[in-house]
Amino acid sequence: MNLSANIKFLRKRRRLTQSGLAEVLGINRSGVNNYENGAAVPPLNILIGLSDLFHISIDTLLRIDLSTLRESQLYLIENGSDVFVKGNELRVLATTVDSKNRDNIELVSIKAKAGYTTGFFDPEYISGLPVFHLPFLSKERKYRTFQVSGDSMLPITDKCWVTGEYVQNLEEIKDDGLYIVLTLNEGIVFKKVRNELKEKGTLRMISTNPEYAPYDLPLAEIREVWKFIHFISSEVPEVTTTEQLFRQIESVKKELEEMKKKL
């Protein structure tokens, strides 16, 4: 059982002294000391208090050695993605770490896209991808970089690299945000997304290039979602011309007309 070590780990993570934690729980400091040293087992009301304070289920406090988890995993648990709370709703992500147990940013090139579509859940496949780090990104989040193809998302051009932050909960997808989505039939797609999962069970996939028509992606076809963070390109984006702007406006008008017809 990992309870005593977890109490000490979480207390230090919150920068609390034993006296500070004792005050929050309404007990004596000696009680906290006994719990952390394994000399005593907290009663149910204290376990509930610890669970509420640290936003972690009692099952996790008892069964999981939290000190072995990466920062990104702890962030997900503390923000509502605890496996013992979510059960089957939790989607497991294959990932890699460096020698200091920090999440790598894996690179998925255009050539690797086909393999990623079938091997995204395979730790052995993921471990074979090139990796790098960006010091300005949060250690609490999980990132991956994908090379895009085509011109559907101008001004992000063909062969640019786009970095995404892993989306654990699909309800967090924001309307008109940019996302990299791994799909069952299309592979990796990069689009502006409108979240219609509650209403229609789909994501509305929209290109920034008006020459590409929007379409609906059913929930059953979604394998992974990554929120766009930034892109790397060897080309300077072109300035939008008056003609391109006019086409974009016409595309928006058509989209609005379609929405009106459905209402």
C-alpha atoms as a PDB file:
ATOM      1  CA  MET A   1       0.000   0.000   0.000  1.00  0.00           C
ATOM      2  CA  ASN A   2       1.374   3.420  -1.007  1.00  0.00           C
ATOM      3  CA  LEU A   3      -0.730   5.594   1.288  1.00  0.00           C
ATOM      4  CA  SER A   4       1.922   6.826   3.741  1.00  0.00           C
ATOM      5  CA  ALA A   5       4.415   7.741   1.016  1.00  0.00           C
ATOM      6  CA  ASN A   6       1.680   9.421  -1.034  1.00  0.00           C
ATOM      7  CA  ILE A   7       0.538  11.593   1.874  1.00  0.00           C
ATOM      8  CA  LYS A   8       4.096  12.854   2.363  1.00  0.00           C
ATOM      9  CA  PHE A   9       4.597  13.317  -1.399  1.00  0.00           C
ATOM     10  CA  LEU A  10       1.382  15.302  -1.859  1.00  0.00           C
ATOM     11  CA  ARG A  11       1.973  17.406   1.239  1.00  0.00           C
ATOM     12  CA  LYS A  12       5.396  18.466  -0.030  1.00  0.00           C
ATOM     13  CA  ARG A  13       3.959  19.006  -3.514  1.00  0.00           C
ATOM     14  CA  ARG A  14       1.518  21.501  -1.983  1.00  0.00           C
ATOM     15  CA  ARG A  15       4.384  22.990   0.063  1.00  0.00           C
ATOM     16  CA  LEU A  16       2.629  22.265   3.319  1.00  0.00           C
ATOM     17  CA  THR A  17       4.313  21.491   6.630  1.00  0.00           C
ATOM     18  CA  GLN A  18       2.999  18.622   8.728  1.00  0.00           C
ATOM     19  CA  SER A  19       1.450  21.247  11.006  1.00  0.00           C
ATOM     20  CA  GLY A  20      -0.152  22.970   8.007  1.00  0.00           C
ATOM     21  CA  LEU A  21      -1.696  19.732   6.731  1.00  0.00           C
ATOM     22  CA  ALA A  22      -2.834  18.844  10.250  1.00  0.00           C
ATOM     23  CA  GLU A  23      -4.612  22.191  10.535  1.00  0.00           C
ATOM     24  CA  VAL A  24      -6.437  21.661   7.241  1.00  0.00           C
ATOM     25  CA  LEU A  25      -7.525  18.161   8.309  1.00  0.00           C
ATOM     26  CA  GLY A  26      -8.432  19.270  11.818  1.00  0.00           C
ATOM     27  CA  ILE A  27      -6.033  16.890  13.591  1.00  0.00           C
ATOM     28  CA  ASN A  28      -2.746  17.070  15.544  1.00  0.00           C
ATOM     29  CA  ARG A  29       0.643  17.268  13.807  1.00  0.00           C
ATOM     30  CA  SER A  30       1.613  13.981  15.431  1.00  0.00           C
ATOM     31  CA  GLY A  31      -1.269  12.340  13.586  1.00  0.00           C
ATOM     32  CA  VAL A  32       0.078  13.459  10.208  1.00  0.00           C
ATOM     33  CA  ASN A  33       3.566  12.298  11.233  1.00  0.00           C
ATOM     34  CA  ASN A  34       2.199   8.850  12.125  1.00  0.00           C
ATOM     35  CA  TYR A  35       0.329   8.588   8.827  1.00  0.00           C
ATOM     36  CA  GLU A  36       3.435   9.505   6.809  1.00  0.00           C
ATOM     37  CA  ASN A  37       5.654   7.060   8.719  1.00  0.00           C
ATOM     38  CA  GLY A  38       3.170   4.230   8.408  1.00  0.00           C
ATOM     39  CA  ALA A  39       2.733   4.018  12.177  1.00  0.00           C
ATOM     40  CA  ALA A  40      -1.012   4.561  11.837  1.00  0.00           C
ATOM     41  CA  VAL A  41      -3.663   4.245   9.119  1.00  0.00           C
ATOM     42  CA  PRO A  42      -5.961   7.256   8.616  1.00  0.00           C
ATOM     43  CA  PRO A  43      -9.640   6.624   9.408  1.00  0.00           C
ATOM     44  CA  LEU A  44     -12.226   7.003   6.664  1.00  0.00           C
ATOM     45  CA  ASN A  45     -13.041  10.646   7.424  1.00  0.00           C
ATOM     46  CA  ILE A  46      -9.352  11.595   7.099  1.00  0.00           C
ATOM     47  CA  LEU A  47      -9.023   9.637   3.848  1.00  0.00           C
ATOM     48  CA  ILE A  48     -11.986  11.563   2.473  1.00  0.00           C
ATOM     49  CA  GLY A  49     -10.393  14.815   3.637  1.00  0.00           C
ATOM     50  CA  LEU A  50      -7.113  13.939   1.907  1.00  0.00           C
ATOM     51  CA  SER A  51      -8.978  12.963  -1.266  1.00  0.00           C
ATOM     52  CA  ASP A  52     -10.901  16.259  -1.322  1.00  0.00           C
ATOM     53  CA  LEU A  53      -7.818  18.334  -0.521  1.00  0.00           C
ATOM     54  CA  PHE A  54      -5.576  16.848  -3.200  1.00  0.00           C
ATOM     55  CA  HIS A  55      -8.347  16.101  -5.768  1.00  0.00           C
ATOM     56  CA  ILE A  56      -7.273  12.467  -5.962  1.00  0.00           C
ATOM     57  CA  SER A  57      -9.442   9.392  -5.397  1.00  0.00           C
ATOM     58  CA  ILE A  58      -8.932   7.213  -2.319  1.00  0.00           C
ATOM     59  CA  ASP A  59      -8.189   4.246  -4.611  1.00  0.00           C
ATOM     60  CA  THR A  60      -5.327   6.176  -6.198  1.00  0.00           C
ATOM     61  CA  LEU A  61      -3.992   7.255  -2.809  1.00  0.00           C
ATOM     62  CA  LEU A  62      -3.895   3.605  -1.743  1.00  0.00           C
ATOM     63  CA  ARG A  63      -2.796   1.815  -4.916  1.00  0.00           C
ATOM     64  CA  ILE A  64      -0.570   4.123  -6.986  1.00  0.00           C
ATOM     65  CA  ASP A  65       2.946   5.266  -6.108  1.00  0.00           C
ATOM     66  CA  LEU A  66       2.465   8.891  -7.098  1.00  0.00           C
ATOM     67  CA  SER A  67       6.187   9.690  -6.856  1.00  0.00           C
ATOM     68  CA  THR A  68       6.834   7.534  -9.936  1.00  0.00           C
ATOM     69  CA  LEU A  69       4.423   9.483 -12.156  1.00  0.00           C
ATOM     70  CA  ARG A  70       5.468  12.179 -14.595  1.00  0.00           C
ATOM     71  CA  GLU A  71       4.351  15.765 -14.064  1.00  0.00           C
ATOM     72  CA  SER A  72       1.928  15.540 -16.988  1.00  0.00           C
ATOM     73  CA  GLN A  73       0.316  12.419 -15.476  1.00  0.00           C
ATOM     74  CA  LEU A  74      -0.049  14.091 -12.080  1.00  0.00           C
ATOM     75  CA  TYR A  75      -1.601  17.125 -13.756  1.00  0.00           C
ATOM     76  CA  LEU A  76      -4.217  14.969 -15.476  1.00  0.00           C
ATOM     77  CA  ILE A  77      -5.063  13.112 -12.255  1.00  0.00           C
ATOM     78  CA  GLU A  78      -5.342  16.314 -10.228  1.00  0.00           C
ATOM     79  CA  ASN A  79      -7.567  17.879 -12.864  1.00  0.00           C
ATOM     80  CA  GLY A  80     -10.257  15.220 -13.120  1.00  0.00           C
ATOM     81  CA  SER A  81      -8.782  12.374 -15.161  1.00  0.00           C
ATOM     82  CA  ASP A  82      -8.172   9.950 -12.288  1.00  0.00           C
ATOM     83  CA  VAL A  83      -8.458   6.414 -13.710  1.00  0.00           C
ATOM     84  CA  PHE A  84     -10.381   5.192 -10.621  1.00  0.00           C
ATOM     85  CA  VAL A  85     -12.901   8.019 -11.066  1.00  0.00           C
ATOM     86  CA  LYS A  86     -13.234   8.028 -14.841  1.00  0.00           C
ATOM     87  CA  GLY A  87     -12.928   4.274 -15.387  1.00  0.00           C
ATOM     88  CA  ASN A  88     -13.260   3.409 -19.075  1.00  0.00           C
ATOM     89  CA  GLU A  89     -13.559   7.075 -20.035  1.00  0.00           C
ATOM     90  CA  LEU A  90      -9.829   7.536 -19.425  1.00  0.00           C
ATOM     91  CA  ARG A  91      -7.890   7.177 -22.670  1.00  0.00           C
ATOM     92  CA  VAL A  92      -4.365   5.828 -22.198  1.00  0.00           C
ATOM     93  CA  LEU A  93      -1.662   7.604 -24.181  1.00  0.00           C
ATOM     94  CA  ALA A  94       1.542   5.854 -25.238  1.00  0.00           C
ATOM     95  CA  THR A  95       4.451   8.209 -24.599  1.00  0.00           C
ATOM     96  CA  THR A  96       8.207   8.400 -23.964  1.00  0.00           C
ATOM     97  CA  VAL A  97      10.356  10.069 -21.321  1.00  0.00           C
ATOM     98  CA  ASP A  98      13.978  11.141 -21.018  1.00  0.00           C
ATOM     99  CA  SER A  99      16.560  10.030 -18.438  1.00  0.00           C
ATOM    100  CA  LYS A 100      15.050  12.478 -15.904  1.00  0.00           C
ATOM    101  CA  ASN A 101      11.521  11.070 -16.353  1.00  0.00           C
ATOM    102  CA  ARG A 102      10.397  14.164 -18.272  1.00  0.00           C
ATOM    103  CA  ASP A 103       7.967  13.809 -21.152  1.00  0.00           C
ATOM    104  CA  ASN A 104       9.567  13.996 -24.578  1.00  0.00           C
ATOM    105  CA  ILE A 105       7.969  15.739 -27.536  1.00  0.00           C
ATOM    106  CA  GLU A 106       7.785  13.045 -30.201  1.00  0.00           C
ATOM    107  CA  LEU A 107       8.060  13.996 -33.877  1.00  0.00           C
ATOM    108  CA  VAL A 108       5.652  12.437 -36.379  1.00  0.00           C
ATOM    109  CA  SER A 109       6.843  13.197 -39.908  1.00  0.00           C
ATOM    110  CA  ILE A 110       4.788  12.858 -43.085  1.00  0.00           C
ATOM    111  CA  LYS A 111       6.572   9.552 -43.755  1.00  0.00           C
ATOM    112  CA  ALA A 112       5.681   8.308 -40.275  1.00  0.00           C
ATOM    113  CA  LYS A 113       1.989   9.220 -40.531  1.00  0.00           C
ATOM    114  CA  ALA A 114       0.852   5.873 -41.944  1.00  0.00           C
ATOM    115  CA  GLY A 115       2.607   3.955 -39.196  1.00  0.00           C
ATOM    116  CA  TYR A 116       1.305   6.308 -36.511  1.00  0.00           C
ATOM    117  CA  THR A 117      -2.291   5.671 -37.570  1.00  0.00           C
ATOM    118  CA  THR A 118      -1.968   2.015 -36.561  1.00  0.00           C
ATOM    119  CA  GLY A 119       0.817   2.272 -33.961  1.00  0.00           C
ATOM    120  CA  PHE A 120      -0.266   5.318 -31.931  1.00  0.00           C
ATOM    121  CA  PHE A 121      -1.230   3.108 -28.958  1.00  0.00           C
ATOM    122  CA  ASP A 122       1.902   0.919 -29.155  1.00  0.00           C
ATOM    123  CA  PRO A 123       4.649   2.018 -26.712  1.00  0.00           C
ATOM    124  CA  GLU A 124       7.257   0.204 -28.803  1.00  0.00           C
ATOM    125  CA  TYR A 125       6.293   2.145 -31.933  1.00  0.00           C
ATOM    126  CA  ILE A 126       6.160   5.482 -30.109  1.00  0.00           C
ATOM    127  CA  SER A 127       9.589   4.833 -28.571  1.00  0.00           C
ATOM    128  CA  GLY A 128      11.045   4.647 -32.085  1.00  0.00           C
ATOM    129  CA  LEU A 129      10.000   8.198 -33.010  1.00  0.00           C
ATOM    130  CA  PRO A 130      12.527  11.082 -32.904  1.00  0.00           C
ATOM    131  CA  VAL A 131      12.163  13.280 -29.817  1.00  0.00           C
ATOM    132  CA  PHE A 132      13.107  16.755 -28.614  1.00  0.00           C
ATOM    133  CA  HIS A 133      12.297  19.283 -25.864  1.00  0.00           C
ATOM    134  CA  LEU A 134      11.089  22.892 -25.831  1.00  0.00           C
ATOM    135  CA  PRO A 135      11.958  24.545 -22.505  1.00  0.00           C
ATOM    136  CA  PHE A 136       9.206  27.182 -22.755  1.00  0.00           C
ATOM    137  CA  LEU A 137       6.389  24.606 -22.756  1.00  0.00           C
ATOM    138  CA  SER A 138       4.716  23.480 -19.525  1.00  0.00           C
ATOM    139  CA  LYS A 139       6.083  20.362 -17.840  1.00  0.00           C
ATOM    140  CA  GLU A 140       2.539  19.591 -16.723  1.00  0.00           C
ATOM    141  CA  ARG A 141       1.232  19.028 -20.235  1.00  0.00           C
ATOM    142  CA  LYS A 142       1.944  16.400 -22.894  1.00  0.00           C
ATOM    143  CA  TYR A 143       2.966  17.597 -26.351  1.00  0.00           C
ATOM    144  CA  ARG A 144       3.610  15.983 -29.730  1.00  0.00           C
ATOM    145  CA  THR A 145       4.675  17.528 -33.050  1.00  0.00           C
ATOM    146  CA  PHE A 146       3.208  16.501 -36.401  1.00  0.00           C
ATOM    147  CA  GLN A 147       4.298  17.398 -39.929  1.00  0.00           C
ATOM    148  CA  VAL A 148       1.302  18.504 -42.002  1.00  0.00           C
ATOM    149  CA  SER A 149       0.773  18.158 -45.731  1.00  0.00           C
ATOM    150  CA  GLY A 150      -1.276  20.117 -48.228  1.00  0.00           C
ATOM    151  CA  ASP A 151      -2.628  23.675 -48.254  1.00  0.00           C
ATOM    152  CA  SER A 152      -5.978  23.298 -46.489  1.00  0.00           C
ATOM    153  CA  MET A 153      -4.818  25.254 -43.419  1.00  0.00           C
ATOM    154  CA  LEU A 154      -3.182  28.350 -44.899  1.00  0.00           C
ATOM    155  CA  PRO A 155      -1.137  30.278 -43.864  1.00  0.00           C
ATOM    156  CA  ILE A 156       0.304  27.068 -42.374  1.00  0.00           C
ATOM    157  CA  THR A 157       1.767  25.543 -45.486  1.00  0.00           C
ATOM    158  CA  ASP A 158       2.750  22.107 -46.748  1.00  0.00           C
ATOM    159  CA  LYS A 159       5.429  20.319 -44.658  1.00  0.00           C
ATOM    160  CA  CYS A 160       5.152  22.671 -41.675  1.00  0.00           C
ATOM    161  CA  TRP A 161       5.530  21.173 -38.212  1.00  0.00           C
ATOM    162  CA  VAL A 162       2.625  21.769 -35.806  1.00  0.00           C
ATOM    163  CA  THR A 163       2.882  21.068 -32.095  1.00  0.00           C
ATOM    164  CA  GLY A 164      -0.197  20.026 -30.139  1.00  0.00           C
ATOM    165  CA  GLU A 165      -1.101  19.601 -26.470  1.00  0.00           C
ATOM    166  CA  TYR A 166      -2.835  16.328 -25.682  1.00  0.00           C
ATOM    167  CA  VAL A 167      -6.583  16.685 -25.027  1.00  0.00           C
ATOM    168  CA  GLN A 168      -7.660  14.133 -22.437  1.00  0.00           C
ATOM    169  CA  ASN A 169     -11.309  15.203 -22.243  1.00  0.00           C
ATOM    170  CA  LEU A 170     -13.034  15.797 -25.587  1.00  0.00           C
ATOM    171  CA  GLU A 171     -15.558  18.079 -23.884  1.00  0.00           C
ATOM    172  CA  GLU A 172     -12.722  20.604 -23.530  1.00  0.00           C
ATOM    173  CA  ILE A 173     -12.502  21.104 -27.308  1.00  0.00           C
ATOM    174  CA  LYS A 174     -13.259  24.796 -27.936  1.00  0.00           C
ATOM    175  CA  ASP A 175     -15.273  26.040 -30.893  1.00  0.00           C
ATOM    176  CA  ASP A 176     -13.127  27.451 -33.714  1.00  0.00           C
ATOM    177  CA  GLY A 177      -9.904  26.303 -32.056  1.00  0.00           C
ATOM    178  CA  LEU A 178      -7.205  24.607 -34.110  1.00  0.00           C
ATOM    179  CA  TYR A 179      -6.657  20.896 -33.448  1.00  0.00           C
ATOM    180  CA  ILE A 180      -4.657  17.951 -34.760  1.00  0.00           C
ATOM    181  CA  VAL A 181      -6.980  14.950 -34.842  1.00  0.00           C
ATOM    182  CA  LEU A 182      -6.022  11.317 -35.365  1.00  0.00           C
ATOM    183  CA  THR A 183      -8.943   9.658 -37.140  1.00  0.00           C
ATOM    184  CA  LEU A 184      -9.848   6.080 -37.931  1.00  0.00           C
ATOM    185  CA  ASN A 185     -10.187   6.513 -41.702  1.00  0.00           C
ATOM    186  CA  GLU A 186      -8.354   9.723 -42.642  1.00  0.00           C
ATOM    187  CA  GLY A 187      -5.285   9.402 -40.439  1.00  0.00           C
ATOM    188  CA  ILE A 188      -3.902  12.668 -39.068  1.00  0.00           C
ATOM    189  CA  VAL A 189      -5.840  15.821 -39.965  1.00  0.00           C
ATOM    190  CA  PHE A 190      -5.235  19.423 -38.920  1.00  0.00           C
ATOM    191  CA  LYS A 191      -8.369  21.591 -38.849  1.00  0.00           C
ATOM    192  CA  LYS A 192     -10.319  24.335 -37.171  1.00  0.00           C
ATOM    193  CA  VAL A 193     -12.910  22.516 -35.092  1.00  0.00           C
ATOM    194  CA  ARG A 194     -16.441  23.239 -33.967  1.00  0.00           C
ATOM    195  CA  ASN A 195     -17.480  20.994 -31.070  1.00  0.00           C
ATOM    196  CA  GLU A 196     -20.889  19.447 -31.827  1.00  0.00           C
ATOM    197  CA  LEU A 197     -20.376  16.234 -29.847  1.00  0.00           C
ATOM    198  CA  LYS A 198     -23.286  16.855 -27.480  1.00  0.00           C
ATOM    199  CA  GLU A 199     -25.724  17.935 -30.196  1.00  0.00           C
ATOM    200  CA  LYS A 200     -24.775  15.641 -33.074  1.00  0.00           C
ATOM    201  CA  GLY A 201     -22.004  13.347 -31.844  1.00  0.00           C
ATOM    202  CA  THR A 202     -19.572  14.921 -34.317  1.00  0.00           C
ATOM    203  CA  LEU A 203     -16.804  17.445 -34.684  1.00  0.00           C
ATOM    204  CA  ARG A 204     -17.268  19.984 -37.471  1.00  0.00           C
ATOM    205  CA  MET A 205     -13.940  20.029 -39.340  1.00  0.00           C
ATOM    206  CA  ILE A 206     -13.227  23.334 -41.077  1.00  0.00           C
ATOM    207  CA  SER A 207     -10.277  24.344 -43.271  1.00  0.00           C
ATOM    208  CA  THR A 208      -8.923  27.882 -43.230  1.00  0.00           C
ATOM    209  CA  ASN A 209      -8.529  27.585 -46.996  1.00  0.00           C
ATOM    210  CA  PRO A 210     -12.080  28.216 -48.345  1.00  0.00           C
ATOM    211  CA  GLU A 211     -11.450  25.917 -51.302  1.00  0.00           C
ATOM    212  CA  TYR A 212     -11.922  22.967 -48.935  1.00  0.00           C
ATOM    213  CA  ALA A 213     -15.492  22.293 -47.775  1.00  0.00           C
ATOM    214  CA  PRO A 214     -16.240  21.646 -44.072  1.00  0.00           C
ATOM    215  CA  TYR A 215     -17.333  18.162 -43.027  1.00  0.00           C
ATOM    216  CA  ASP A 216     -18.522  16.270 -39.926  1.00  0.00           C
ATOM    217  CA  LEU A 217     -16.268  13.784 -38.124  1.00  0.00           C
ATOM    218  CA  PRO A 218     -18.211  11.192 -36.038  1.00  0.00           C
ATOM    219  CA  LEU A 219     -17.066  10.518 -32.483  1.00  0.00           C
ATOM    220  CA  ALA A 220     -16.453   6.845 -33.305  1.00  0.00           C
ATOM    221  CA  GLU A 221     -13.699   7.839 -35.755  1.00  0.00           C
ATOM    222  CA  ILE A 222     -11.724   9.965 -33.283  1.00  0.00           C
ATOM    223  CA  ARG A 223      -8.596   8.322 -31.889  1.00  0.00           C
ATOM    224  CA  GLU A 224      -6.566  11.254 -30.487  1.00  0.00           C
ATOM    225  CA  VAL A 225      -6.977  15.025 -30.270  1.00  0.00           C
ATOM    226  CA  TRP A 226      -4.152  17.547 -29.798  1.00  0.00           C
ATOM    227  CA  LYS A 227      -4.771  21.274 -29.275  1.00  0.00           C
ATOM    228  CA  PHE A 228      -2.635  23.447 -31.542  1.00  0.00           C
ATOM    229  CA  ILE A 229       0.147  25.293 -29.698  1.00  0.00           C
ATOM    230  CA  HIS A 230       2.516  26.591 -32.391  1.00  0.00           C
ATOM    231  CA  PHE A 231       4.029  25.739 -35.751  1.00  0.00           C
ATOM    232  CA  ILE A 232       7.525  25.690 -37.248  1.00  0.00           C
ATOM    233  CA  SER A 233       8.032  26.590 -40.887  1.00  0.00           C
ATOM    234  CA  SER A 234      10.914  27.326 -43.199  1.00  0.00           C
ATOM    235  CA  GLU A 235       8.661  29.625 -45.249  1.00  0.00           C
ATOM    236  CA  VAL A 236       7.329  33.096 -44.491  1.00  0.00           C
ATOM    237  CA  PRO A 237       3.475  33.028 -44.602  1.00  0.00           C
ATOM    238  CA  GLU A 238       1.991  34.918 -47.543  1.00  0.00           C
ATOM    239  CA  VAL A 239      -0.085  38.028 -46.911  1.00  0.00           C
ATOM    240  CA  THR A 240      -3.778  37.439 -47.563  1.00  0.00           C
ATOM    241  CA  THR A 241      -4.886  39.084 -50.827  1.00  0.00           C
ATOM    242  CA  THR A 242      -8.196  40.844 -51.388  1.00  0.00           C
ATOM    243  CA  GLU A 243      -9.351  37.938 -53.547  1.00  0.00           C
ATOM    244  CA  GLN A 244      -8.505  35.379 -50.858  1.00  0.00           C
ATOM    245  CA  LEU A 245     -10.280  37.479 -48.249  1.00  0.00           C
ATOM    246  CA  PHE A 246     -13.371  37.674 -50.464  1.00  0.00           C
ATOM    247  CA  ARG A 247     -13.386  33.870 -50.877  1.00  0.00           C
ATOM    248  CA  GLN A 248     -13.091  33.434 -47.123  1.00  0.00           C
ATOM    249  CA  ILE A 249     -16.063  35.754 -46.534  1.00  0.00           C
ATOM    250  CA  GLU A 250     -18.137  33.843 -49.110  1.00  0.00           C
ATOM    251  CA  SER A 251     -17.217  30.570 -47.408  1.00  0.00           C
ATOM    252  CA  VAL A 252     -18.383  31.909 -44.038  1.00  0.00           C
ATOM    253  CA  LYS A 253     -21.654  33.049 -45.605  1.00  0.00           C
ATOM    254  CA  LYS A 254     -22.278  29.573 -47.031  1.00  0.00           C
ATOM    255  CA  GLU A 255     -21.519  28.025 -43.654  1.00  0.00           C
ATOM    256  CA  LEU A 256     -24.035  30.340 -41.975  1.00  0.00           C
ATOM    257  CA  GLU A 257     -26.676  29.514 -44.576  1.00  0.00           C
ATOM    258  CA  GLU A 258     -26.186  25.792 -43.918  1.00  0.00           C
ATOM    259  CA  MET A 259     -26.601  26.367 -40.215  1.00  0.00           C
ATOM    260  CA  LYS A 260     -29.810  28.373 -40.737  1.00  0.00           C
ATOM    261  CA  LYS A 261     -31.314  25.556 -42.817  1.00  0.00           C
ATOM    262  CA  LYS A 262     -30.668  23.081 -40.001  1.00  0.00           C
ATOM    263  CA  LEU A 263     -32.345  25.289 -37.382  1.00  0.00           C
END
